[in-house]
Each structure stands twice: as C-alpha cells, then as structure tokens.
Amino acid sequence: MTAKLLVVDDEPRTAELTAEVLRRAGYSVDVAGSGSEALERVRSVSPDLMLLDYEMPDMEAPEVL
C-alpha cells in the first residue's frame, strides 16, 4: 500500500515541487494551499502524514495540527 501524504504550503511553487519529488519517490501526494484547505483535505483524503509550512496567512502549523 502506498503512503498518502499531504503537502501544505501557501507558496504554490514550493508545494508543487515538494509534491513532485515525493510522487517520484512513489508516494501518493495531495496538496493544500492553506491551513483551512488542509483541514478539508484531511477529512476527505485521510493522509498518513502531513508536511506543513509553519507560517501561512490563515493559520500556522500548530493550529492546523
């Protein structure tokens, strides 16, 4: 079974580059552009691991966690 990862970053280029590297390594990766979007994705995707940008405009990583 492939691990499901969620990359959360408000910088689209950083999020997509990170996601692409992880996909090439064989992971299933979803991307969210904000903390609130990450919470929505967690409910629908149920990732095994989240990689969070610490500082985002709507909420910081500890709030998301």
N, C-alpha and C. Protein backbone atom coordinates (compact mmCIF):
# COMPACT_ATOMS: atom_id res chain seq x y z
N MET A 1 0.84 -1.19 0.00
CA MET A 1 0.00 0.00 0.00
C MET A 1 0.88 1.25 0.00
N THR A 2 0.56 2.20 -0.83
CA THR A 2 1.31 3.45 -0.94
C THR A 2 0.87 4.42 0.15
N ALA A 3 1.83 5.03 0.83
CA ALA A 3 1.53 6.02 1.85
C ALA A 3 0.93 7.27 1.20
N LYS A 4 -0.09 7.84 1.86
CA LYS A 4 -0.73 9.06 1.38
C LYS A 4 -0.17 10.25 2.15
N LEU A 5 0.37 11.21 1.43
CA LEU A 5 0.95 12.40 2.05
C LEU A 5 0.16 13.63 1.66
N LEU A 6 0.14 14.61 2.53
CA LEU A 6 -0.48 15.89 2.26
C LEU A 6 0.57 16.97 2.46
N VAL A 7 0.86 17.71 1.39
CA VAL A 7 1.81 18.82 1.44
C VAL A 7 0.99 20.10 1.58
N VAL A 8 1.30 20.88 2.61
CA VAL A 8 0.55 22.12 2.87
C VAL A 8 1.52 23.28 2.84
N ASP A 9 1.32 24.18 1.87
CA ASP A 9 2.19 25.35 1.74
C ASP A 9 1.44 26.42 0.98
N ASP A 10 1.54 27.66 1.44
CA ASP A 10 0.86 28.77 0.76
C ASP A 10 1.63 29.27 -0.46
N GLU A 11 2.82 28.76 -0.69
CA GLU A 11 3.60 29.08 -1.89
C GLU A 11 3.38 27.95 -2.90
N PRO A 12 2.57 28.17 -3.93
CA PRO A 12 2.23 27.09 -4.86
C PRO A 12 3.44 26.40 -5.49
N ARG A 13 4.45 27.15 -5.84
CA ARG A 13 5.63 26.56 -6.47
C ARG A 13 6.34 25.60 -5.51
N THR A 14 6.50 26.01 -4.27
CA THR A 14 7.13 25.15 -3.26
C THR A 14 6.31 23.89 -3.04
N ALA A 15 5.01 24.04 -2.92
CA ALA A 15 4.13 22.89 -2.69
C ALA A 15 4.20 21.90 -3.84
N GLU A 16 4.14 22.40 -5.07
CA GLU A 16 4.16 21.51 -6.23
C GLU A 16 5.51 20.84 -6.43
N LEU A 17 6.60 21.56 -6.19
CA LEU A 17 7.93 20.95 -6.30
C LEU A 17 8.12 19.86 -5.26
N THR A 18 7.70 20.13 -4.04
CA THR A 18 7.79 19.13 -2.98
C THR A 18 6.95 17.91 -3.33
N ALA A 19 5.73 18.16 -3.78
CA ALA A 19 4.83 17.06 -4.15
C ALA A 19 5.42 16.22 -5.28
N GLU A 20 6.00 16.87 -6.27
CA GLU A 20 6.58 16.13 -7.40
C GLU A 20 7.73 15.24 -6.97
N VAL A 21 8.59 15.73 -6.11
CA VAL A 21 9.71 14.92 -5.60
C VAL A 21 9.16 13.70 -4.86
N LEU A 22 8.14 13.90 -4.05
CA LEU A 22 7.56 12.80 -3.28
C LEU A 22 6.83 11.80 -4.19
N ARG A 23 6.15 12.29 -5.21
CA ARG A 23 5.49 11.39 -6.17
C ARG A 23 6.51 10.52 -6.88
N ARG A 24 7.61 11.12 -7.28
CA ARG A 24 8.67 10.36 -7.96
C ARG A 24 9.28 9.31 -7.04
N ALA A 25 9.18 9.54 -5.74
CA ALA A 25 9.69 8.57 -4.77
C ALA A 25 8.65 7.48 -4.49
N GLY A 26 7.48 7.58 -5.12
CA GLY A 26 6.48 6.54 -5.01
C GLY A 26 5.32 6.80 -4.07
N TYR A 27 5.23 8.01 -3.53
CA TYR A 27 4.14 8.33 -2.62
C TYR A 27 2.93 8.88 -3.37
N SER A 28 1.77 8.71 -2.77
CA SER A 28 0.54 9.33 -3.25
C SER A 28 0.47 10.69 -2.53
N VAL A 29 0.43 11.78 -3.29
CA VAL A 29 0.54 13.11 -2.68
C VAL A 29 -0.63 14.00 -3.09
N ASP A 30 -1.20 14.67 -2.11
CA ASP A 30 -2.20 15.69 -2.33
C ASP A 30 -1.62 17.00 -1.81
N VAL A 31 -2.09 18.12 -2.35
CA VAL A 31 -1.55 19.44 -1.99
C VAL A 31 -2.67 20.34 -1.50
N ALA A 32 -2.39 21.12 -0.45
CA ALA A 32 -3.31 22.14 0.05
C ALA A 32 -2.53 23.45 0.14
N GLY A 33 -3.22 24.55 -0.15
CA GLY A 33 -2.57 25.85 -0.18
C GLY A 33 -2.78 26.70 1.06
N SER A 34 -3.49 26.17 2.04
CA SER A 34 -3.73 26.92 3.28
C SER A 34 -4.06 25.95 4.40
N GLY A 35 -4.06 26.45 5.61
CA GLY A 35 -4.41 25.62 6.74
C GLY A 35 -5.84 25.14 6.69
N SER A 36 -6.76 26.04 6.33
CA SER A 36 -8.17 25.64 6.27
C SER A 36 -8.40 24.62 5.15
N GLU A 37 -7.72 24.77 4.04
CA GLU A 37 -7.82 23.79 2.96
C GLU A 37 -7.23 22.45 3.41
N ALA A 38 -6.17 22.48 4.18
CA ALA A 38 -5.56 21.25 4.71
C ALA A 38 -6.56 20.49 5.58
N LEU A 39 -7.28 21.22 6.43
CA LEU A 39 -8.27 20.56 7.28
C LEU A 39 -9.36 19.89 6.47
N GLU A 40 -9.79 20.52 5.38
CA GLU A 40 -10.78 19.91 4.48
C GLU A 40 -10.22 18.64 3.85
N ARG A 41 -8.97 18.71 3.39
CA ARG A 41 -8.34 17.55 2.74
C ARG A 41 -8.14 16.40 3.72
N VAL A 42 -7.82 16.71 4.97
CA VAL A 42 -7.63 15.66 5.97
C VAL A 42 -8.93 14.87 6.12
N ARG A 43 -10.03 15.56 6.11
CA ARG A 43 -11.33 14.88 6.26
C ARG A 43 -11.64 14.00 5.05
N SER A 44 -11.28 14.45 3.86
CA SER A 44 -11.63 13.70 2.65
C SER A 44 -10.58 12.68 2.23
N VAL A 45 -9.30 12.98 2.44
CA VAL A 45 -8.22 12.13 1.95
C VAL A 45 -7.67 11.21 3.04
N SER A 46 -7.71 11.65 4.28
CA SER A 46 -7.14 10.90 5.41
C SER A 46 -5.67 10.53 5.18
N PRO A 47 -4.80 11.53 5.08
CA PRO A 47 -3.39 11.24 4.80
C PRO A 47 -2.70 10.53 5.96
N ASP A 48 -1.64 9.81 5.61
CA ASP A 48 -0.82 9.15 6.63
C ASP A 48 0.14 10.14 7.28
N LEU A 49 0.50 11.18 6.53
CA LEU A 49 1.47 12.17 7.01
C LEU A 49 1.20 13.51 6.34
N MET A 50 1.35 14.60 7.11
CA MET A 50 1.26 15.95 6.55
C MET A 50 2.60 16.64 6.67
N LEU A 51 3.00 17.32 5.61
CA LEU A 51 4.19 18.17 5.63
C LEU A 51 3.66 19.60 5.60
N LEU A 52 3.84 20.32 6.70
CA LEU A 52 3.24 21.64 6.85
C LEU A 52 4.26 22.77 6.81
N ASP A 53 3.94 23.79 6.04
CA ASP A 53 4.65 25.06 6.13
C ASP A 53 4.28 25.64 7.49
N TYR A 54 5.23 26.18 8.22
CA TYR A 54 4.92 26.67 9.56
C TYR A 54 4.07 27.93 9.53
N GLU A 55 4.48 28.91 8.73
CA GLU A 55 3.77 30.19 8.69
C GLU A 55 2.93 30.30 7.42
N MET A 56 1.62 30.38 7.61
CA MET A 56 0.69 30.57 6.49
C MET A 56 -0.26 31.69 6.87
N PRO A 57 -0.85 32.35 5.89
CA PRO A 57 -1.70 33.51 6.17
C PRO A 57 -2.91 33.23 7.07
N ASP A 58 -3.61 32.12 6.85
CA ASP A 58 -4.84 31.92 7.61
C ASP A 58 -4.65 31.24 8.96
N MET A 59 -3.70 30.31 9.05
CA MET A 59 -3.39 29.68 10.34
C MET A 59 -2.01 29.04 10.24
N GLU A 60 -1.32 29.01 11.34
CA GLU A 60 0.02 28.42 11.37
C GLU A 60 -0.08 26.92 11.63
N ALA A 61 1.03 26.23 11.41
CA ALA A 61 1.06 24.77 11.51
C ALA A 61 0.51 24.25 12.85
N PRO A 62 0.86 24.81 14.01
CA PRO A 62 0.33 24.27 15.26
C PRO A 62 -1.21 24.34 15.33
N GLU A 63 -1.79 25.37 14.73
CA GLU A 63 -3.25 25.47 14.72
C GLU A 63 -3.86 24.38 13.86
N VAL A 64 -3.22 24.06 12.75
CA VAL A 64 -3.72 23.01 11.87
C VAL A 64 -3.65 21.67 12.59
N LEU A 65 -2.51 21.44 13.26
CA LEU A 65 -2.36 20.18 13.99
C LEU A 65 -3.36 20.06 15.12
